[in-house]
């Protein structure tokens, strides 16, 4: 098995590591704790600074799921 066994072992452990990384990222969510609030604060700051229009601000709020 020599070289083929070595390659198979490397591929196996690479797959295991990638699976663990994928699982951790899946369970932690895209933004982490407080991410929505931070995103909304950033959005408000950009709107106040004139970086985005009111229409862009409203569209981004809807995308974040904020309906206030």
PDB file of N, CA and C in Angstrom:
ATOM      1  N   UNK A   1       0.832  -1.192   0.000  1.00  0.00           N
ATOM      2  CA  UNK A   1       0.000   0.000   0.000  1.00  0.00           C
ATOM      3  C   UNK A   1       0.870   1.248   0.000  1.00  0.00           C
ATOM      4  N   UNK A   2       2.003   1.255   0.498  1.00  0.00           N
ATOM      5  CA  UNK A   2       2.999   2.329   0.492  1.00  0.00           C
ATOM      6  C   UNK A   2       2.486   3.719   0.180  1.00  0.00           C
ATOM      7  N   UNK A   3       2.748   4.153  -1.028  1.00  0.00           N
ATOM      8  CA  UNK A   3       2.443   5.531  -1.403  1.00  0.00           C
ATOM      9  C   UNK A   3       0.938   5.768  -1.508  1.00  0.00           C
ATOM     10  N   UNK A   4       0.201   4.803  -2.000  1.00  0.00           N
ATOM     11  CA  UNK A   4      -1.252   4.953  -2.127  1.00  0.00           C
ATOM     12  C   UNK A   4      -1.892   5.075  -0.744  1.00  0.00           C
ATOM     13  N   UNK A   5      -1.417   4.291   0.200  1.00  0.00           N
ATOM     14  CA  UNK A   5      -1.927   4.384   1.566  1.00  0.00           C
ATOM     15  C   UNK A   5      -1.639   5.739   2.189  1.00  0.00           C
ATOM     16  N   UNK A   6      -0.450   6.269   1.937  1.00  0.00           N
ATOM     17  CA  UNK A   6      -0.082   7.590   2.458  1.00  0.00           C
ATOM     18  C   UNK A   6      -0.956   8.684   1.876  1.00  0.00           C
ATOM     19  N   UNK A   7      -1.192   8.618   0.581  1.00  0.00           N
ATOM     20  CA  UNK A   7      -2.047   9.609  -0.074  1.00  0.00           C
ATOM     21  C   UNK A   7      -3.476   9.490   0.446  1.00  0.00           C
ATOM     22  N   UNK A   8      -3.945   8.260   0.597  1.00  0.00           N
ATOM     23  CA  UNK A   8      -5.303   8.050   1.109  1.00  0.00           C
ATOM     24  C   UNK A   8      -5.442   8.607   2.521  1.00  0.00           C
ATOM     25  N   UNK A   9      -4.422   8.433   3.346  1.00  0.00           N
ATOM     26  CA  UNK A   9      -4.471   8.941   4.718  1.00  0.00           C
ATOM     27  C   UNK A   9      -4.516  10.469   4.723  1.00  0.00           C
ATOM     28  N   UNK A  10      -3.707  11.103   3.883  1.00  0.00           N
ATOM     29  CA  UNK A  10      -3.710  12.566   3.795  1.00  0.00           C
ATOM     30  C   UNK A  10      -5.075  13.061   3.318  1.00  0.00           C
ATOM     31  N   UNK A  11      -5.638  12.428   2.308  1.00  0.00           N
ATOM     32  CA  UNK A  11      -6.959  12.820   1.819  1.00  0.00           C
ATOM     33  C   UNK A  11      -8.029  12.629   2.882  1.00  0.00           C
ATOM     34  N   UNK A  12      -7.947  11.537   3.627  1.00  0.00           N
ATOM     35  CA  UNK A  12      -8.914  11.276   4.701  1.00  0.00           C
ATOM     36  C   UNK A  12      -8.863  12.371   5.755  1.00  0.00           C
ATOM     37  N   UNK A  13      -7.670  12.697   6.239  1.00  0.00           N
ATOM     38  CA  UNK A  13      -7.560  13.707   7.293  1.00  0.00           C
ATOM     39  C   UNK A  13      -7.913  15.099   6.790  1.00  0.00           C
ATOM     40  N   UNK A  14      -7.618  15.370   5.535  1.00  0.00           N
ATOM     41  CA  UNK A  14      -8.026  16.651   4.946  1.00  0.00           C
ATOM     42  C   UNK A  14      -9.544  16.747   4.922  1.00  0.00           C
ATOM     43  N   UNK A  15     -10.209  15.670   4.520  1.00  0.00           N
ATOM     44  CA  UNK A  15     -11.670  15.649   4.496  1.00  0.00           C
ATOM     45  C   UNK A  15     -12.243  15.820   5.897  1.00  0.00           C
ATOM     46  N   UNK A  16     -11.656  15.174   6.890  1.00  0.00           N
ATOM     47  CA  UNK A  16     -12.135  15.297   8.266  1.00  0.00           C
ATOM     48  C   UNK A  16     -12.000  16.742   8.746  1.00  0.00           C
ATOM     49  N   UNK A  17     -10.877  17.367   8.485  1.00  0.00           N
ATOM     50  CA  UNK A  17     -10.645  18.748   8.914  1.00  0.00           C
ATOM     51  C   UNK A  17     -11.625  19.689   8.216  1.00  0.00           C
ATOM     52  N   UNK A  18     -11.823  19.515   6.913  1.00  0.00           N
ATOM     53  CA  UNK A  18     -12.769  20.357   6.181  1.00  0.00           C
ATOM     54  C   UNK A  18     -14.190  20.171   6.694  1.00  0.00           C
ATOM     55  N   UNK A  19     -14.543  18.953   7.040  1.00  0.00           N
ATOM     56  CA  UNK A  19     -15.873  18.683   7.587  1.00  0.00           C
ATOM     57  C   UNK A  19     -16.068  19.395   8.925  1.00  0.00           C
ATOM     58  N   UNK A  20     -15.070  19.366   9.773  1.00  0.00           N
ATOM     59  CA  UNK A  20     -15.154  20.042  11.075  1.00  0.00           C
ATOM     60  C   UNK A  20     -15.266  21.555  10.879  1.00  0.00           C
ATOM     61  N   UNK A  21     -14.467  22.119   9.982  1.00  0.00           N
ATOM     62  CA  UNK A  21     -14.530  23.560   9.720  1.00  0.00           C
ATOM     63  C   UNK A  21     -15.908  23.936   9.188  1.00  0.00           C
ATOM     64  N   UNK A  22     -16.428  23.150   8.256  1.00  0.00           N
ATOM     65  CA  UNK A  22     -17.756  23.409   7.705  1.00  0.00           C
ATOM     66  C   UNK A  22     -18.823  23.355   8.797  1.00  0.00           C
ATOM     67  N   UNK A  23     -18.753  22.368   9.667  1.00  0.00           N
ATOM     68  CA  UNK A  23     -19.747  22.213  10.729  1.00  0.00           C
ATOM     69  C   UNK A  23     -19.708  23.402  11.692  1.00  0.00           C
ATOM     70  N   UNK A  24     -18.527  23.825  12.075  1.00  0.00           N
ATOM     71  CA  UNK A  24     -18.398  24.960  13.002  1.00  0.00           C
ATOM     72  C   UNK A  24     -18.961  26.222  12.364  1.00  0.00           C
ATOM     73  N   UNK A  25     -18.640  26.464  11.109  1.00  0.00           N
ATOM     74  CA  UNK A  25     -19.144  27.666  10.432  1.00  0.00           C
ATOM     75  C   UNK A  25     -20.650  27.612  10.240  1.00  0.00           C
ATOM     76  N   UNK A  26     -21.199  26.438   9.993  1.00  0.00           N
ATOM     77  CA  UNK A  26     -22.639  26.299   9.802  1.00  0.00           C
ATOM     78  C   UNK A  26     -23.405  26.595  11.086  1.00  0.00           C
ATOM     79  N   UNK A  27     -22.903  26.121  12.203  1.00  0.00           N
ATOM     80  CA  UNK A  27     -23.601  26.299  13.468  1.00  0.00           C
ATOM     81  C   UNK A  27     -23.394  27.690  14.060  1.00  0.00           C
ATOM     82  N   UNK A  28     -22.328  28.382  13.676  1.00  0.00           N
ATOM     83  CA  UNK A  28     -22.079  29.703  14.238  1.00  0.00           C
ATOM     84  C   UNK A  28     -22.881  30.782  13.520  1.00  0.00           C
ATOM     85  N   UNK A  29     -23.418  30.511  12.357  1.00  0.00           N
ATOM     86  CA  UNK A  29     -24.228  31.481  11.626  1.00  0.00           C
ATOM     87  C   UNK A  29     -23.368  32.463  10.866  1.00  0.00           C
ATOM     88  N   UNK A  30     -23.973  33.219   9.958  1.00  0.00           N
ATOM     89  CA  UNK A  30     -23.210  34.113   9.105  1.00  0.00           C
ATOM     90  C   UNK A  30     -22.673  35.352   9.789  1.00  0.00           C
ATOM     91  N   UNK A  31     -23.359  35.831  10.840  1.00  0.00           N
ATOM     92  CA  UNK A  31     -22.932  37.091  11.440  1.00  0.00           C
ATOM     93  C   UNK A  31     -22.503  36.962  12.888  1.00  0.00           C
ATOM     94  N   UNK A  32     -22.832  35.890  13.530  1.00  0.00           N
ATOM     95  CA  UNK A  32     -22.485  35.722  14.935  1.00  0.00           C
ATOM     96  C   UNK A  32     -23.411  36.528  15.821  1.00  0.00           C
ATOM     97  N   UNK A  33     -23.147  36.546  17.139  1.00  0.00           N
ATOM     98  CA  UNK A  33     -24.009  37.257  18.073  1.00  0.00           C
ATOM     99  C   UNK A  33     -24.011  38.760  17.820  1.00  0.00           C
ATOM    100  N   UNK A  34     -25.192  39.349  17.800  1.00  0.00           N
ATOM    101  CA  UNK A  34     -25.297  40.799  17.626  1.00  0.00           C
ATOM    102  C   UNK A  34     -25.043  41.269  16.213  1.00  0.00           C
ATOM    103  N   UNK A  35     -24.941  40.355  15.272  1.00  0.00           N
ATOM    104  CA  UNK A  35     -24.610  40.719  13.904  1.00  0.00           C
ATOM    105  C   UNK A  35     -25.655  41.583  13.247  1.00  0.00           C
ATOM    106  N   UNK A  36     -26.925  41.297  13.472  1.00  0.00           N
ATOM    107  CA  UNK A  36     -27.985  42.089  12.862  1.00  0.00           C
ATOM    108  C   UNK A  36     -27.969  43.514  13.394  1.00  0.00           C
ATOM    109  N   UNK A  37     -27.748  43.659  14.684  1.00  0.00           N
ATOM    110  CA  UNK A  37     -27.708  45.001  15.271  1.00  0.00           C
ATOM    111  C   UNK A  37     -26.508  45.781  14.735  1.00  0.00           C
ATOM    112  N   UNK A  38     -25.371  45.120  14.614  1.00  0.00           N
ATOM    113  CA  UNK A  38     -24.187  45.783  14.077  1.00  0.00           C
ATOM    114  C   UNK A  38     -24.403  46.182  12.623  1.00  0.00           C
ATOM    115  N   UNK A  39     -25.052  45.296  11.862  1.00  0.00           N
ATOM    116  CA  UNK A  39     -25.318  45.602  10.456  1.00  0.00           C
ATOM    117  C   UNK A  39     -26.257  46.794  10.335  1.00  0.00           C
ATOM    118  N   UNK A  40     -27.278  46.840  11.177  1.00  0.00           N
ATOM    119  CA  UNK A  40     -28.220  47.959  11.139  1.00  0.00           C
ATOM    120  C   UNK A  40     -27.539  49.261  11.556  1.00  0.00           C
ATOM    121  N   UNK A  41     -26.667  49.198  12.560  1.00  0.00           N
ATOM    122  CA  UNK A  41     -25.930  50.390  12.979  1.00  0.00           C
ATOM    123  C   UNK A  41     -25.044  50.905  11.843  1.00  0.00           C
ATOM    124  N   UNK A  42     -24.385  50.004  11.159  1.00  0.00           N
ATOM    125  CA  UNK A  42     -23.536  50.387  10.029  1.00  0.00           C
ATOM    126  C   UNK A  42     -24.382  51.001   8.927  1.00  0.00           C
ATOM    127  N   UNK A  43     -25.530  50.406   8.672  1.00  0.00           N
ATOM    128  CA  UNK A  43     -26.437  50.920   7.652  1.00  0.00           C
ATOM    129  C   UNK A  43     -26.900  52.329   8.003  1.00  0.00           C
ATOM    130  N   UNK A  44     -27.283  52.537   9.257  1.00  0.00           N
ATOM    131  CA  UNK A  44     -27.717  53.869   9.700  1.00  0.00           C
ATOM    132  C   UNK A  44     -26.592  54.890   9.570  1.00  0.00           C
ATOM    133  N   UNK A  45     -25.379  54.485   9.924  1.00  0.00           N
ATOM    134  CA  UNK A  45     -24.228  55.391   9.827  1.00  0.00           C
ATOM    135  C   UNK A  45     -23.969  55.784   8.373  1.00  0.00           C
ATOM    136  N   UNK A  46     -24.049  54.817   7.464  1.00  0.00           N
ATOM    137  CA  UNK A  46     -23.816  55.101   6.048  1.00  0.00           C
ATOM    138  C   UNK A  46     -24.902  56.018   5.484  1.00  0.00           C
ATOM    139  N   UNK A  47     -26.144  55.815   5.917  1.00  0.00           N
ATOM    140  CA  UNK A  47     -27.239  56.675   5.467  1.00  0.00           C
ATOM    141  C   UNK A  47     -27.048  58.093   5.992  1.00  0.00           C
ATOM    142  N   UNK A  48     -26.690  58.213   7.253  1.00  0.00           N
ATOM    143  CA  UNK A  48     -26.484  59.530   7.861  1.00  0.00           C
ATOM    144  C   UNK A  48     -25.322  60.274   7.202  1.00  0.00           C
ATOM    145  N   UNK A  49     -24.316  59.538   6.767  1.00  0.00           N
ATOM    146  CA  UNK A  49     -23.155  60.162   6.135  1.00  0.00           C
ATOM    147  C   UNK A  49     -23.410  60.481   4.664  1.00  0.00           C
ATOM    148  N   UNK A  50     -24.563  60.045   4.135  1.00  0.00           N
ATOM    149  CA  UNK A  50     -24.881  60.326   2.737  1.00  0.00           C
ATOM    150  C   UNK A  50     -24.245  59.351   1.763  1.00  0.00           C
ATOM    151  N   UNK A  51     -23.738  58.249   2.253  1.00  0.00           N
ATOM    152  CA  UNK A  51     -23.105  57.258   1.383  1.00  0.00           C
ATOM    153  C   UNK A  51     -24.129  56.471   0.575  1.00  0.00           C
ATOM    154  N   UNK A  52     -25.347  56.327   1.123  1.00  0.00           N
ATOM    155  CA  UNK A  52     -26.410  55.598   0.428  1.00  0.00           C
ATOM    156  C   UNK A  52     -27.675  56.444   0.443  1.00  0.00           C
ATOM    157  N   UNK A  53     -28.539  56.215  -0.546  1.00  0.00           N
ATOM    158  CA  UNK A  53     -29.800  56.963  -0.639  1.00  0.00           C
ATOM    159  C   UNK A  53     -30.835  56.337   0.287  1.00  0.00           C
ATOM    160  N   UNK A  54     -31.978  57.044   0.415  1.00  0.00           N
ATOM    161  CA  UNK A  54     -33.055  56.522   1.257  1.00  0.00           C
ATOM    162  C   UNK A  54     -33.597  55.217   0.679  1.00  0.00           C
ATOM    163  N   UNK A  55     -33.695  55.142  -0.645  1.00  0.00           N
ATOM    164  CA  UNK A  55     -34.192  53.915  -1.277  1.00  0.00           C
ATOM    165  C   UNK A  55     -33.241  52.741  -0.996  1.00  0.00           C
ATOM    166  N   UNK A  56     -31.935  52.992  -1.076  1.00  0.00           N
ATOM    167  CA  UNK A  56     -30.961  51.942  -0.775  1.00  0.00           C
ATOM    168  C   UNK A  56     -31.027  51.540   0.695  1.00  0.00           C
ATOM    169  N   UNK A  57     -31.229  52.538   1.558  1.00  0.00           N
ATOM    170  CA  UNK A  57     -31.348  52.283   2.987  1.00  0.00           C
ATOM    171  C   UNK A  57     -32.546  51.379   3.274  1.00  0.00           C
ATOM    172  N   UNK A  58     -33.703  51.722   2.677  1.00  0.00           N
ATOM    173  CA  UNK A  58     -34.912  50.928   2.899  1.00  0.00           C
ATOM    174  C   UNK A  58     -34.759  49.514   2.334  1.00  0.00           C
ATOM    175  N   UNK A  59     -34.147  49.399   1.170  1.00  0.00           N
ATOM    176  CA  UNK A  59     -33.933  48.085   0.558  1.00  0.00           C
ATOM    177  C   UNK A  59     -33.022  47.229   1.435  1.00  0.00           C
ATOM    178  N   UNK A  60     -31.966  47.828   1.961  1.00  0.00           N
ATOM    179  CA  UNK A  60     -31.046  47.089   2.819  1.00  0.00           C
ATOM    180  C   UNK A  60     -31.718  46.676   4.133  1.00  0.00           C
ATOM    181  N   UNK A  61     -32.562  47.547   4.681  1.00  0.00           N
ATOM    182  CA  UNK A  61     -33.297  47.188   5.897  1.00  0.00           C
ATOM    183  C   UNK A  61     -34.208  45.994   5.653  1.00  0.00           C
ATOM    184  N   UNK A  62     -34.895  45.989   4.514  1.00  0.00           N
ATOM    185  CA  UNK A  62     -35.750  44.840   4.182  1.00  0.00           C
ATOM    186  C   UNK A  62     -34.908  43.575   4.037  1.00  0.00           C
ATOM    187  N   UNK A  63     -33.734  43.690   3.423  1.00  0.00           N
ATOM    188  CA  UNK A  63     -32.856  42.534   3.250  1.00  0.00           C
ATOM    189  C   UNK A  63     -32.397  41.982   4.601  1.00  0.00           C
ATOM    190  N   UNK A  64     -32.223  42.875   5.574  1.00  0.00           N
ATOM    191  CA  UNK A  64     -31.834  42.456   6.918  1.00  0.00           C
ATOM    192  C   UNK A  64     -33.013  41.929   7.731  1.00  0.00           C
ATOM    193  N   UNK A  65     -34.221  42.155   7.231  1.00  0.00           N
ATOM    194  CA  UNK A  65     -35.405  41.690   7.951  1.00  0.00           C
ATOM    195  C   UNK A  65     -35.895  42.674   8.991  1.00  0.00           C
ATOM    196  N   UNK A  66     -35.504  43.943   8.867  1.00  0.00           N
ATOM    197  CA  UNK A  66     -35.934  44.985   9.804  1.00  0.00           C
ATOM    198  C   UNK A  66     -37.134  45.692   9.183  1.00  0.00           C
ATOM    199  N   UNK A  67     -38.257  45.707   9.886  1.00  0.00           N
ATOM    200  CA  UNK A  67     -39.486  46.305   9.356  1.00  0.00           C
ATOM    201  C   UNK A  67     -39.996  47.412  10.269  1.00  0.00           C
ATOM    202  N   UNK A  68     -39.132  48.336  10.615  1.00  0.00           N
ATOM    203  CA  UNK A  68     -39.581  49.417  11.490  1.00  0.00           C
ATOM    204  C   UNK A  68     -39.628  50.735  10.760  1.00  0.00           C
TER     205      UNK A  68
END
